[in-house]
Amino acid sequence: MVSIVIPTYNAERFMTPLLDSIFRNKIEDMEVIIIDDCSQDDTVKIAGTYPVRVVELKKNGGPARARNIGVKAAEGDIIFFLDSDVIVLDGSVREVKEYFKKNPDSKCVIGVCSTEPLNRGFVPAYMAMFEYVHLISRQYDRVSVFAPRCGAIKKDFFLKIGGYNENYRGADVEDFELARRINKEDCIILDPKILVRHQFADFKQALRIYFRRTVMWVHLFFRAKKLDNAGPTSPGNGIAAICAFLSFLLVFFMPVAGLAKYLFLFLLTAYLVSNLKWWNFMRKEKGLAFAARALLLNYFLGIEIMVAAMYAVVSYPFKRGLRVQGFEGSRG
């Protein structure tokens, strides 16, 4: 059986399109479990109008804890995690079942978000396409990341490795931390037939998310000593961010240092080359004007990422108390 586990918090505006999309994809041996993390809106009321199981938590604990509780409640041997702000595209639930049927020894598979986000606007479109192009090149191959917005895992394996780290209270890097433990035991494969449309951040949200997650990702890197081979956190994007930040700093040295302009041009060229793959993809899909705006946004975000990374390096000695607390011994 496939158990679809969805954590929710004040998600009333997403519930109808999400659940409609799931039940359009309905297969015979499937269940849907909603773990509501103390919503203050009509999330639970709307979910209750569908044939789903709703688990209402008495205390808000974050999506990591909610997912762990959902796995406890699940009857299926396959857990299909979805976020509340997605819709499932046709065939995706069946593909999860078929993937494990065709690959019985596999423990974990992830899907990918469509290049068309649920919300309108330049920034959501950029983020959807940026993430897509950095994942799709590794289709049917091993990836180092696990995305619970659209990822499936064998229940017994999830329990074995300890589930999500509940010390992460927000939607932060709990998925990256889990992925590192998955990869110690098995591998994660990307199946592009498992596909969702996702609600991506707007500009202000993106600034907050990028800063917070960069800090947490760097702290995680110091503990795990492992880079990612796919997605927005892959090394190529780190190189681009470094080039953006250093080239920006060199602008202030140009009036007083003759060598600065040559270093600036070198770093800017390196920045453009490292981003050429995704830039060409966006240019072909959305046109030159969109791709040019995307390059400027990426440059700005690269500067912010490096500021966050430097803060993370300085703050890491004070944050080392965050231990890996998984499913075993987690709070009820």
C-alpha atoms as a PDB file:
ATOM      1  CA  MET A   1       0.000   0.000   0.000  1.00  0.00           C
ATOM      2  CA  VAL A   2       1.082   3.590  -0.688  1.00  0.00           C
ATOM      3  CA  SER A   3       0.509   5.884   2.298  1.00  0.00           C
ATOM      4  CA  ILE A   4       0.490   9.559   1.309  1.00  0.00           C
ATOM      5  CA  VAL A   5       1.645  11.625   4.295  1.00  0.00           C
ATOM      6  CA  ILE A   6       1.029  15.380   4.269  1.00  0.00           C
ATOM      7  CA  PRO A   7       1.878  17.784   7.131  1.00  0.00           C
ATOM      8  CA  THR A   8      -0.347  20.866   7.227  1.00  0.00           C
ATOM      9  CA  TYR A   9      -0.361  24.197   9.006  1.00  0.00           C
ATOM     10  CA  ASN A  10      -2.878  26.903   8.026  1.00  0.00           C
ATOM     11  CA  ALA A  11      -3.101  25.388   4.554  1.00  0.00           C
ATOM     12  CA  GLU A  12      -6.804  25.881   3.821  1.00  0.00           C
ATOM     13  CA  ARG A  13      -6.198  27.608   0.481  1.00  0.00           C
ATOM     14  CA  PHE A  14      -4.165  24.656  -0.762  1.00  0.00           C
ATOM     15  CA  MET A  15      -6.256  21.738   0.512  1.00  0.00           C
ATOM     16  CA  THR A  16      -8.943  21.542  -2.160  1.00  0.00           C
ATOM     17  CA  PRO A  17      -6.609  21.634  -5.189  1.00  0.00           C
ATOM     18  CA  LEU A  18      -4.133  19.303  -3.462  1.00  0.00           C
ATOM     19  CA  LEU A  19      -6.671  16.669  -2.439  1.00  0.00           C
ATOM     20  CA  ASP A  20      -8.547  16.933  -5.736  1.00  0.00           C
ATOM     21  CA  SER A  21      -5.278  16.217  -7.557  1.00  0.00           C
ATOM     22  CA  ILE A  22      -4.498  13.248  -5.312  1.00  0.00           C
ATOM     23  CA  PHE A  23      -7.880  11.627  -5.798  1.00  0.00           C
ATOM     24  CA  ARG A  24      -7.719  12.191  -9.547  1.00  0.00           C
ATOM     25  CA  ASN A  25      -4.593  10.040  -9.255  1.00  0.00           C
ATOM     26  CA  LYS A  26      -6.251   7.505  -6.963  1.00  0.00           C
ATOM     27  CA  ILE A  27      -5.000   3.928  -7.055  1.00  0.00           C
ATOM     28  CA  GLU A  28      -6.604   0.936  -5.338  1.00  0.00           C
ATOM     29  CA  ASP A  29      -4.154   0.382  -2.475  1.00  0.00           C
ATOM     30  CA  MET A  30      -3.696   3.957  -1.303  1.00  0.00           C
ATOM     31  CA  GLU A  31      -4.394   5.961   1.838  1.00  0.00           C
ATOM     32  CA  VAL A  32      -4.044   9.667   2.580  1.00  0.00           C
ATOM     33  CA  ILE A  33      -2.992  10.878   6.029  1.00  0.00           C
ATOM     34  CA  ILE A  34      -3.165  14.570   6.959  1.00  0.00           C
ATOM     35  CA  ILE A  35      -1.155  15.540  10.040  1.00  0.00           C
ATOM     36  CA  ASP A  36      -2.391  18.950  11.081  1.00  0.00           C
ATOM     37  CA  ASP A  37       0.082  20.921  13.168  1.00  0.00           C
ATOM     38  CA  CYS A  38      -2.410  23.084  15.095  1.00  0.00           C
ATOM     39  CA  SER A  39      -3.863  25.066  12.188  1.00  0.00           C
ATOM     40  CA  GLN A  40      -5.935  28.126  13.087  1.00  0.00           C
ATOM     41  CA  ASP A  41      -7.927  28.140   9.847  1.00  0.00           C
ATOM     42  CA  ASP A  42     -10.256  25.662   8.085  1.00  0.00           C
ATOM     43  CA  THR A  43      -7.553  23.208   7.003  1.00  0.00           C
ATOM     44  CA  VAL A  44      -8.983  20.346   9.059  1.00  0.00           C
ATOM     45  CA  LYS A  45     -12.586  21.137   8.084  1.00  0.00           C
ATOM     46  CA  ILE A  46     -11.759  21.043   4.371  1.00  0.00           C
ATOM     47  CA  ALA A  47      -9.660  17.889   4.701  1.00  0.00           C
ATOM     48  CA  GLY A  48     -12.539  16.215   6.504  1.00  0.00           C
ATOM     49  CA  THR A  49     -14.714  16.458   3.408  1.00  0.00           C
ATOM     50  CA  TYR A  50     -12.400  13.979   1.640  1.00  0.00           C
ATOM     51  CA  PRO A  51     -11.813  10.265   2.369  1.00  0.00           C
ATOM     52  CA  VAL A  52      -8.629  10.908   4.334  1.00  0.00           C
ATOM     53  CA  ARG A  53      -7.398  10.267   7.856  1.00  0.00           C
ATOM     54  CA  VAL A  54      -6.747  13.472   9.792  1.00  0.00           C
ATOM     55  CA  VAL A  55      -4.403  13.442  12.784  1.00  0.00           C
ATOM     56  CA  GLU A  56      -4.733  16.663  14.779  1.00  0.00           C
ATOM     57  CA  LEU A  57      -1.703  17.461  16.904  1.00  0.00           C
ATOM     58  CA  LYS A  58      -2.206  19.105  20.268  1.00  0.00           C
ATOM     59  CA  LYS A  59       1.043  21.059  20.141  1.00  0.00           C
ATOM     60  CA  ASN A  60       2.783  22.670  17.174  1.00  0.00           C
ATOM     61  CA  GLY A  61       6.066  20.882  16.558  1.00  0.00           C
ATOM     62  CA  GLY A  62       6.996  21.582  12.951  1.00  0.00           C
ATOM     63  CA  PRO A  63       6.863  19.524   9.739  1.00  0.00           C
ATOM     64  CA  ALA A  64       9.630  17.091  10.741  1.00  0.00           C
ATOM     65  CA  ARG A  65       7.691  15.943  13.806  1.00  0.00           C
ATOM     66  CA  ALA A  66       4.417  15.905  11.858  1.00  0.00           C
ATOM     67  CA  ARG A  67       5.902  13.650   9.181  1.00  0.00           C
ATOM     68  CA  ASN A  68       7.297  11.264  11.806  1.00  0.00           C
ATOM     69  CA  ILE A  69       3.855  10.996  13.401  1.00  0.00           C
ATOM     70  CA  GLY A  70       2.313  10.448   9.981  1.00  0.00           C
ATOM     71  CA  VAL A  71       4.661   7.543   9.341  1.00  0.00           C
ATOM     72  CA  LYS A  72       3.680   6.025  12.706  1.00  0.00           C
ATOM     73  CA  ALA A  73       0.034   6.194  11.674  1.00  0.00           C
ATOM     74  CA  ALA A  74       0.599   4.832   8.164  1.00  0.00           C
ATOM     75  CA  GLU A  75      -0.519   1.339   7.219  1.00  0.00           C
ATOM     76  CA  GLY A  76       1.320   1.194   3.906  1.00  0.00           C
ATOM     77  CA  ASP A  77       4.797  -0.171   3.284  1.00  0.00           C
ATOM     78  CA  ILE A  78       5.558   2.786   0.994  1.00  0.00           C
ATOM     79  CA  ILE A  79       5.439   6.348   2.359  1.00  0.00           C
ATOM     80  CA  PHE A  80       4.830   9.052  -0.240  1.00  0.00           C
ATOM     81  CA  PHE A  81       5.563  12.446   1.325  1.00  0.00           C
ATOM     82  CA  LEU A  82       3.898  15.528  -0.117  1.00  0.00           C
ATOM     83  CA  ASP A  83       3.901  19.123   1.047  1.00  0.00           C
ATOM     84  CA  SER A  84       0.559  20.859   1.460  1.00  0.00           C
ATOM     85  CA  ASP A  85       1.333  23.531  -1.161  1.00  0.00           C
ATOM     86  CA  VAL A  86       1.584  21.236  -4.188  1.00  0.00           C
ATOM     87  CA  ILE A  87      -0.728  19.571  -6.653  1.00  0.00           C
ATOM     88  CA  VAL A  88       0.056  16.093  -7.953  1.00  0.00           C
ATOM     89  CA  LEU A  89       0.303  15.759 -11.707  1.00  0.00           C
ATOM     90  CA  ASP A  90      -1.305  12.884 -13.571  1.00  0.00           C
ATOM     91  CA  GLY A  91       0.220   9.452 -13.070  1.00  0.00           C
ATOM     92  CA  SER A  92       2.523  10.415 -10.211  1.00  0.00           C
ATOM     93  CA  VAL A  93       0.944   8.295  -7.450  1.00  0.00           C
ATOM     94  CA  ARG A  94       0.846   5.240  -9.719  1.00  0.00           C
ATOM     95  CA  GLU A  95       4.453   5.898 -10.728  1.00  0.00           C
ATOM     96  CA  VAL A  96       5.511   5.717  -7.063  1.00  0.00           C
ATOM     97  CA  LYS A  97       3.958   2.263  -6.770  1.00  0.00           C
ATOM     98  CA  GLU A  98       5.331   1.127 -10.135  1.00  0.00           C
ATOM     99  CA  TYR A  99       8.823   2.367  -9.322  1.00  0.00           C
ATOM    100  CA  PHE A 100       9.104   0.190  -6.228  1.00  0.00           C
ATOM    101  CA  LYS A 101       7.463  -2.725  -8.042  1.00  0.00           C
ATOM    102  CA  LYS A 102      10.067  -2.526 -10.816  1.00  0.00           C
ATOM    103  CA  ASN A 103      12.891  -1.872  -8.327  1.00  0.00           C
ATOM    104  CA  PRO A 104      12.041  -4.029  -5.292  1.00  0.00           C
ATOM    105  CA  ASP A 105      15.450  -3.503  -3.673  1.00  0.00           C
ATOM    106  CA  SER A 106      15.195   0.285  -3.878  1.00  0.00           C
ATOM    107  CA  LYS A 107      14.511   2.146  -0.650  1.00  0.00           C
ATOM    108  CA  CYS A 108      13.961   5.724  -1.739  1.00  0.00           C
ATOM    109  CA  VAL A 109      12.914   7.786  -4.765  1.00  0.00           C
ATOM    110  CA  ILE A 110      12.182  11.457  -5.330  1.00  0.00           C
ATOM    111  CA  GLY A 111      10.249  13.310  -7.977  1.00  0.00           C
ATOM    112  CA  VAL A 112      10.637  16.817  -9.294  1.00  0.00           C
ATOM    113  CA  CYS A 113       8.653  20.037  -9.340  1.00  0.00           C
ATOM    114  CA  SER A 114       7.259  21.236 -12.653  1.00  0.00           C
ATOM    115  CA  THR A 115       8.748  24.331 -14.273  1.00  0.00           C
ATOM    116  CA  GLU A 116       5.284  25.874 -13.911  1.00  0.00           C
ATOM    117  CA  PRO A 117       4.727  26.936 -10.286  1.00  0.00           C
ATOM    118  CA  LEU A 118       1.288  27.198  -8.699  1.00  0.00           C
ATOM    119  CA  ASN A 119       1.667  30.925  -8.130  1.00  0.00           C
ATOM    120  CA  ARG A 120       2.296  33.651 -10.668  1.00  0.00           C
ATOM    121  CA  GLY A 121       5.191  36.063 -10.841  1.00  0.00           C
ATOM    122  CA  PHE A 122       8.757  36.278 -12.054  1.00  0.00           C
ATOM    123  CA  VAL A 123      10.474  35.057  -8.866  1.00  0.00           C
ATOM    124  CA  PRO A 124       8.345  31.895  -8.430  1.00  0.00           C
ATOM    125  CA  ALA A 125       8.862  31.077 -12.126  1.00  0.00           C
ATOM    126  CA  TYR A 126      12.610  31.577 -11.776  1.00  0.00           C
ATOM    127  CA  MET A 127      12.805  29.396  -8.661  1.00  0.00           C
ATOM    128  CA  ALA A 128      10.747  26.601 -10.210  1.00  0.00           C
ATOM    129  CA  MET A 129      12.882  26.497 -13.359  1.00  0.00           C
ATOM    130  CA  PHE A 130      16.155  26.882 -11.437  1.00  0.00           C
ATOM    131  CA  GLU A 131      15.353  23.895  -9.221  1.00  0.00           C
ATOM    132  CA  TYR A 132      14.073  21.814 -12.129  1.00  0.00           C
ATOM    133  CA  VAL A 133      17.131  22.229 -14.329  1.00  0.00           C
ATOM    134  CA  HIS A 134      19.483  21.368 -11.451  1.00  0.00           C
ATOM    135  CA  LEU A 135      17.663  18.099 -10.800  1.00  0.00           C
ATOM    136  CA  ILE A 136      16.428  16.834 -14.147  1.00  0.00           C
ATOM    137  CA  SER A 137      19.938  16.276 -15.521  1.00  0.00           C
ATOM    138  CA  ARG A 138      20.271  13.419 -13.006  1.00  0.00           C
ATOM    139  CA  GLN A 139      17.030  11.629 -13.869  1.00  0.00           C
ATOM    140  CA  TYR A 140      17.107   7.903 -13.094  1.00  0.00           C
ATOM    141  CA  ASP A 141      20.450   8.499 -11.388  1.00  0.00           C
ATOM    142  CA  ARG A 142      21.643   8.820  -7.814  1.00  0.00           C
ATOM    143  CA  VAL A 143      21.077  12.153  -6.096  1.00  0.00           C
ATOM    144  CA  SER A 144      22.224  13.293  -2.683  1.00  0.00           C
ATOM    145  CA  VAL A 145      19.022  15.169  -1.806  1.00  0.00           C
ATOM    146  CA  PHE A 146      15.575  14.093  -0.619  1.00  0.00           C
ATOM    147  CA  ALA A 147      12.620  16.431  -1.125  1.00  0.00           C
ATOM    148  CA  PRO A 148       9.574  15.642   1.045  1.00  0.00           C
ATOM    149  CA  ARG A 149       7.394  17.869  -1.124  1.00  0.00           C
ATOM    150  CA  CYS A 150       7.510  14.948  -3.575  1.00  0.00           C
ATOM    151  CA  GLY A 151       9.477  11.950  -2.297  1.00  0.00           C
ATOM    152  CA  ALA A 152       8.782   8.322  -1.397  1.00  0.00           C
ATOM    153  CA  ILE A 153      10.560   5.930   0.938  1.00  0.00           C
ATOM    154  CA  LYS A 154      10.021   2.428   2.290  1.00  0.00           C
ATOM    155  CA  LYS A 155       8.459   2.658   5.740  1.00  0.00           C
ATOM    156  CA  ASP A 156      10.718   0.059   7.353  1.00  0.00           C
ATOM    157  CA  PHE A 157      13.798   1.813   5.993  1.00  0.00           C
ATOM    158  CA  PHE A 158      12.571   5.200   7.241  1.00  0.00           C
ATOM    159  CA  LEU A 159      12.149   3.719  10.724  1.00  0.00           C
ATOM    160  CA  LYS A 160      15.535   2.041  10.548  1.00  0.00           C
ATOM    161  CA  ILE A 161      17.449   5.253   9.867  1.00  0.00           C
ATOM    162  CA  GLY A 162      15.570   7.181  12.552  1.00  0.00           C
ATOM    163  CA  GLY A 163      13.122   9.373  10.648  1.00  0.00           C
ATOM    164  CA  TYR A 164      13.293  13.161  10.533  1.00  0.00           C
ATOM    165  CA  ASN A 165      15.362  15.155  12.985  1.00  0.00           C
ATOM    166  CA  GLU A 166      12.727  16.927  15.082  1.00  0.00           C
ATOM    167  CA  ASN A 167      15.181  19.526  16.334  1.00  0.00           C
ATOM    168  CA  TYR A 168      14.486  21.304  13.045  1.00  0.00           C
ATOM    169  CA  ARG A 169      11.232  23.062  13.893  1.00  0.00           C
ATOM    170  CA  GLY A 170      10.637  24.840  10.589  1.00  0.00           C
ATOM    171  CA  ALA A 171      10.741  23.818   6.932  1.00  0.00           C
ATOM    172  CA  ASP A 172      14.490  24.237   6.873  1.00  0.00           C
ATOM    173  CA  VAL A 173      17.202  21.655   6.090  1.00  0.00           C
ATOM    174  CA  GLU A 174      15.626  18.662   7.786  1.00  0.00           C
ATOM    175  CA  ASP A 175      15.345  17.046   4.351  1.00  0.00           C
ATOM    176  CA  PHE A 176      19.064  17.520   3.656  1.00  0.00           C
ATOM    177  CA  GLU A 177      19.951  16.047   7.037  1.00  0.00           C
ATOM    178  CA  LEU A 178      17.708  13.040   6.414  1.00  0.00           C
ATOM    179  CA  ALA A 179      19.206  12.593   2.940  1.00  0.00           C
ATOM    180  CA  ARG A 180      22.687  12.293   4.409  1.00  0.00           C
ATOM    181  CA  ARG A 181      21.575   9.436   6.630  1.00  0.00           C
ATOM    182  CA  ILE A 182      19.728   7.791   3.732  1.00  0.00           C
ATOM    183  CA  ASN A 183      22.852   7.915   1.587  1.00  0.00           C
ATOM    184  CA  LYS A 184      24.913   6.202   4.271  1.00  0.00           C
ATOM    185  CA  GLU A 185      22.662   3.155   3.970  1.00  0.00           C
ATOM    186  CA  ASP A 186      21.322   3.221   0.410  1.00  0.00           C
ATOM    187  CA  CYS A 187      20.808   5.586  -2.511  1.00  0.00           C
ATOM    188  CA  ILE A 188      18.184   8.104  -3.633  1.00  0.00           C
ATOM    189  CA  ILE A 189      17.041   7.929  -7.261  1.00  0.00           C
ATOM    190  CA  LEU A 190      15.328  10.722  -9.194  1.00  0.00           C
ATOM    191  CA  ASP A 191      12.264   9.622 -11.192  1.00  0.00           C
ATOM    192  CA  PRO A 192      11.026  12.483 -13.433  1.00  0.00           C
ATOM    193  CA  LYS A 193       7.646  10.776 -13.865  1.00  0.00           C
ATOM    194  CA  ILE A 194       6.829  11.644 -10.254  1.00  0.00           C
ATOM    195  CA  LEU A 195       5.845  15.246 -10.805  1.00  0.00           C
ATOM    196  CA  VAL A 196       4.135  18.011  -8.825  1.00  0.00           C
ATOM    197  CA  ARG A 197       3.446  21.709  -9.221  1.00  0.00           C
ATOM    198  CA  HIS A 198       4.660  23.658  -6.219  1.00  0.00           C
ATOM    199  CA  GLN A 199       3.973  27.052  -4.648  1.00  0.00           C
ATOM    200  CA  PHE A 200       7.333  28.855  -4.706  1.00  0.00           C
ATOM    201  CA  ALA A 201       8.416  31.880  -2.705  1.00  0.00           C
ATOM    202  CA  ASP A 202       8.057  35.488  -3.800  1.00  0.00           C
ATOM    203  CA  PHE A 203      11.003  37.892  -3.568  1.00  0.00           C
ATOM    204  CA  LYS A 204      10.693  38.819   0.119  1.00  0.00           C
ATOM    205  CA  GLN A 205      10.071  35.218   1.123  1.00  0.00           C
ATOM    206  CA  ALA A 206      13.016  34.074  -1.000  1.00  0.00           C
ATOM    207  CA  LEU A 207      15.371  36.464   0.791  1.00  0.00           C
ATOM    208  CA  ARG A 208      14.366  35.110   4.193  1.00  0.00           C
ATOM    209  CA  ILE A 209      14.433  31.481   3.061  1.00  0.00           C
ATOM    210  CA  TYR A 210      17.800  31.696   1.308  1.00  0.00           C
ATOM    211  CA  PHE A 211      19.485  33.336   4.287  1.00  0.00           C
ATOM    212  CA  ARG A 212      18.071  30.980   6.916  1.00  0.00           C
ATOM    213  CA  ARG A 213      18.600  27.807   4.915  1.00  0.00           C
ATOM    214  CA  THR A 214      22.106  28.793   3.865  1.00  0.00           C
ATOM    215  CA  VAL A 215      23.092  29.223   7.497  1.00  0.00           C
ATOM    216  CA  MET A 216      21.572  25.878   8.435  1.00  0.00           C
ATOM    217  CA  TRP A 217      23.031  24.112   5.392  1.00  0.00           C
ATOM    218  CA  VAL A 218      26.547  25.349   6.207  1.00  0.00           C
ATOM    219  CA  HIS A 219      26.162  24.175   9.806  1.00  0.00           C
ATOM    220  CA  LEU A 220      25.010  20.802   8.485  1.00  0.00           C
ATOM    221  CA  PHE A 221      27.985  20.672   6.110  1.00  0.00           C
ATOM    222  CA  PHE A 222      30.412  21.237   8.978  1.00  0.00           C
ATOM    223  CA  ARG A 223      28.869  18.299  10.833  1.00  0.00           C
ATOM    224  CA  ALA A 224      28.417  15.899   7.907  1.00  0.00           C
ATOM    225  CA  LYS A 225      31.330  17.032   5.664  1.00  0.00           C
ATOM    226  CA  LYS A 226      29.299  16.257   2.554  1.00  0.00           C
ATOM    227  CA  LEU A 227      28.385  18.289  -0.536  1.00  0.00           C
ATOM    228  CA  ASP A 228      25.304  17.751  -2.712  1.00  0.00           C
ATOM    229  CA  ASN A 229      25.495  16.465  -6.276  1.00  0.00           C
ATOM    230  CA  ALA A 230      22.155  17.886  -7.440  1.00  0.00           C
ATOM    231  CA  GLY A 231      19.701  20.687  -6.812  1.00  0.00           C
ATOM    232  CA  PRO A 232      20.304  24.342  -5.915  1.00  0.00           C
ATOM    233  CA  THR A 233      22.936  23.377  -3.292  1.00  0.00           C
ATOM    234  CA  SER A 234      25.234  21.610  -5.777  1.00  0.00           C
ATOM    235  CA  PRO A 235      28.885  22.822  -5.902  1.00  0.00           C
ATOM    236  CA  GLY A 236      28.449  24.677  -9.207  1.00  0.00           C
ATOM    237  CA  ASN A 237      25.947  27.026  -7.609  1.00  0.00           C
ATOM    238  CA  GLY A 238      28.295  27.570  -4.689  1.00  0.00           C
ATOM    239  CA  ILE A 239      31.057  28.592  -7.112  1.00  0.00           C
ATOM    240  CA  ALA A 240      28.652  31.001  -8.837  1.00  0.00           C
ATOM    241  CA  ALA A 241      27.726  32.570  -5.483  1.00  0.00           C
ATOM    242  CA  ILE A 242      31.399  33.038  -4.554  1.00  0.00           C
ATOM    243  CA  CYS A 243      32.107  34.676  -7.918  1.00  0.00           C
ATOM    244  CA  ALA A 244      29.108  36.992  -7.541  1.00  0.00           C
ATOM    245  CA  PHE A 245      30.108  38.059  -4.039  1.00  0.00           C
ATOM    246  CA  LEU A 246      33.801  38.653  -4.804  1.00  0.00           C
ATOM    247  CA  SER A 247      33.077  40.484  -8.054  1.00  0.00           C
ATOM    248  CA  PHE A 248      30.650  42.738  -6.190  1.00  0.00           C
ATOM    249  CA  LEU A 249      33.314  43.559  -3.601  1.00  0.00           C
ATOM    250  CA  LEU A 250      35.832  44.371  -6.323  1.00  0.00           C
ATOM    251  CA  VAL A 251      33.583  47.131  -7.670  1.00  0.00           C
ATOM    252  CA  PHE A 252      34.536  49.214  -4.624  1.00  0.00           C
ATOM    253  CA  PHE A 253      38.274  48.679  -5.228  1.00  0.00           C
ATOM    254  CA  MET A 254      38.297  49.621  -8.911  1.00  0.00           C
ATOM    255  CA  PRO A 255      38.921  53.362  -8.341  1.00  0.00           C
ATOM    256  CA  VAL A 256      42.037  52.679  -6.219  1.00  0.00           C
ATOM    257  CA  ALA A 257      43.405  49.381  -7.551  1.00  0.00           C
ATOM    258  CA  GLY A 258      44.120  48.943 -11.244  1.00  0.00           C
ATOM    259  CA  LEU A 259      44.188  45.157 -10.980  1.00  0.00           C
ATOM    260  CA  ALA A 260      40.679  45.108  -9.515  1.00  0.00           C
ATOM    261  CA  LYS A 261      38.919  45.577 -12.855  1.00  0.00           C
ATOM    262  CA  TYR A 262      40.724  42.591 -14.374  1.00  0.00           C
ATOM    263  CA  LEU A 263      39.848  40.409 -11.405  1.00  0.00           C
ATOM    264  CA  PHE A 264      36.290  41.683 -11.647  1.00  0.00           C
ATOM    265  CA  LEU A 265      36.050  40.689 -15.324  1.00  0.00           C
ATOM    266  CA  PHE A 266      37.579  37.284 -14.571  1.00  0.00           C
ATOM    267  CA  LEU A 267      35.124  36.576 -11.747  1.00  0.00           C
ATOM    268  CA  LEU A 268      32.175  37.863 -13.747  1.00  0.00           C
ATOM    269  CA  THR A 269      33.148  35.567 -16.622  1.00  0.00           C
ATOM    270  CA  ALA A 270      33.453  32.635 -14.222  1.00  0.00           C
ATOM    271  CA  TYR A 271      30.025  33.528 -12.810  1.00  0.00           C
ATOM    272  CA  LEU A 272      28.452  33.538 -16.283  1.00  0.00           C
ATOM    273  CA  VAL A 273      30.100  30.276 -17.317  1.00  0.00           C
ATOM    274  CA  SER A 274      29.036  28.459 -14.137  1.00  0.00           C
ATOM    275  CA  ASN A 275      25.431  29.562 -14.756  1.00  0.00           C
ATOM    276  CA  LEU A 276      25.364  28.908 -18.491  1.00  0.00           C
ATOM    277  CA  LYS A 277      23.399  25.651 -18.325  1.00  0.00           C
ATOM    278  CA  TRP A 278      20.385  26.942 -16.415  1.00  0.00           C
ATOM    279  CA  TRP A 279      20.535  30.314 -18.174  1.00  0.00           C
ATOM    280  CA  ASN A 280      20.279  28.685 -21.614  1.00  0.00           C
ATOM    281  CA  PHE A 281      17.379  26.571 -20.374  1.00  0.00           C
ATOM    282  CA  MET A 282      15.463  29.625 -19.178  1.00  0.00           C
ATOM    283  CA  ARG A 283      16.278  31.564 -22.353  1.00  0.00           C
ATOM    284  CA  LYS A 284      14.835  28.776 -24.499  1.00  0.00           C
ATOM    285  CA  GLU A 285      11.768  28.337 -22.303  1.00  0.00           C
ATOM    286  CA  LYS A 286      10.956  31.966 -21.401  1.00  0.00           C
ATOM    287  CA  GLY A 287      12.946  34.186 -23.727  1.00  0.00           C
ATOM    288  CA  LEU A 288      15.991  36.413 -23.469  1.00  0.00           C
ATOM    289  CA  ALA A 289      14.385  39.123 -21.314  1.00  0.00           C
ATOM    290  CA  PHE A 290      13.316  36.603 -18.665  1.00  0.00           C
ATOM    291  CA  ALA A 291      16.747  34.927 -18.679  1.00  0.00           C
ATOM    292  CA  ALA A 292      18.509  38.297 -18.302  1.00  0.00           C
ATOM    293  CA  ARG A 293      16.353  39.181 -15.288  1.00  0.00           C
ATOM    294  CA  ALA A 294      17.015  35.701 -13.871  1.00  0.00           C
ATOM    295  CA  LEU A 295      20.764  36.250 -14.145  1.00  0.00           C
ATOM    296  CA  LEU A 296      20.524  39.526 -12.213  1.00  0.00           C
ATOM    297  CA  LEU A 297      18.353  37.941  -9.527  1.00  0.00           C
ATOM    298  CA  ASN A 298      20.741  35.010  -9.235  1.00  0.00           C
ATOM    299  CA  TYR A 299      23.662  37.433  -8.871  1.00  0.00           C
ATOM    300  CA  PHE A 300      21.914  39.292  -6.060  1.00  0.00           C
ATOM    301  CA  LEU A 301      20.938  36.047  -4.309  1.00  0.00           C
ATOM    302  CA  GLY A 302      24.516  34.820  -4.665  1.00  0.00           C
ATOM    303  CA  ILE A 303      25.719  37.837  -2.693  1.00  0.00           C
ATOM    304  CA  GLU A 304      23.119  37.172  -0.002  1.00  0.00           C
ATOM    305  CA  ILE A 305      24.063  33.485   0.143  1.00  0.00           C
ATOM    306  CA  MET A 306      27.724  34.344   0.752  1.00  0.00           C
ATOM    307  CA  VAL A 307      26.809  36.825   3.497  1.00  0.00           C
ATOM    308  CA  ALA A 308      24.716  34.092   5.101  1.00  0.00           C
ATOM    309  CA  ALA A 309      27.535  31.553   4.672  1.00  0.00           C
ATOM    310  CA  MET A 310      30.019  33.859   6.424  1.00  0.00           C
ATOM    311  CA  TYR A 311      27.551  34.380   9.253  1.00  0.00           C
ATOM    312  CA  ALA A 312      27.160  30.593   9.443  1.00  0.00           C
ATOM    313  CA  VAL A 313      30.920  30.087   9.775  1.00  0.00           C
ATOM    314  CA  VAL A 314      31.113  32.618  12.607  1.00  0.00           C
ATOM    315  CA  SER A 315      28.024  31.301  14.403  1.00  0.00           C
ATOM    316  CA  TYR A 316      28.751  27.574  14.006  1.00  0.00           C
ATOM    317  CA  PRO A 317      30.755  27.190  17.262  1.00  0.00           C
ATOM    318  CA  PHE A 318      27.706  28.462  19.160  1.00  0.00           C
ATOM    319  CA  LYS A 319      25.261  26.134  17.379  1.00  0.00           C
ATOM    320  CA  ARG A 320      27.040  22.817  17.700  1.00  0.00           C
ATOM    321  CA  GLY A 321      24.593  21.634  20.323  1.00  0.00           C
ATOM    322  CA  LEU A 322      22.067  20.653  17.648  1.00  0.00           C
ATOM    323  CA  ARG A 323      22.232  16.875  17.744  1.00  0.00           C
ATOM    324  CA  VAL A 324      20.693  14.369  15.380  1.00  0.00           C
ATOM    325  CA  GLN A 325      17.447  13.339  17.006  1.00  0.00           C
ATOM    326  CA  GLY A 326      15.494  11.092  14.729  1.00  0.00           C
ATOM    327  CA  PHE A 327      12.396   8.994  14.973  1.00  0.00           C
ATOM    328  CA  GLU A 328      13.610   6.839  17.845  1.00  0.00           C
ATOM    329  CA  GLY A 329      13.171   8.665  21.098  1.00  0.00           C
ATOM    330  CA  SER A 330      11.347  11.566  19.468  1.00  0.00           C
ATOM    331  CA  ARG A 331       8.540  13.374  21.197  1.00  0.00           C
ATOM    332  CA  GLY A 332       5.176  11.610  21.102  1.00  0.00           C
END
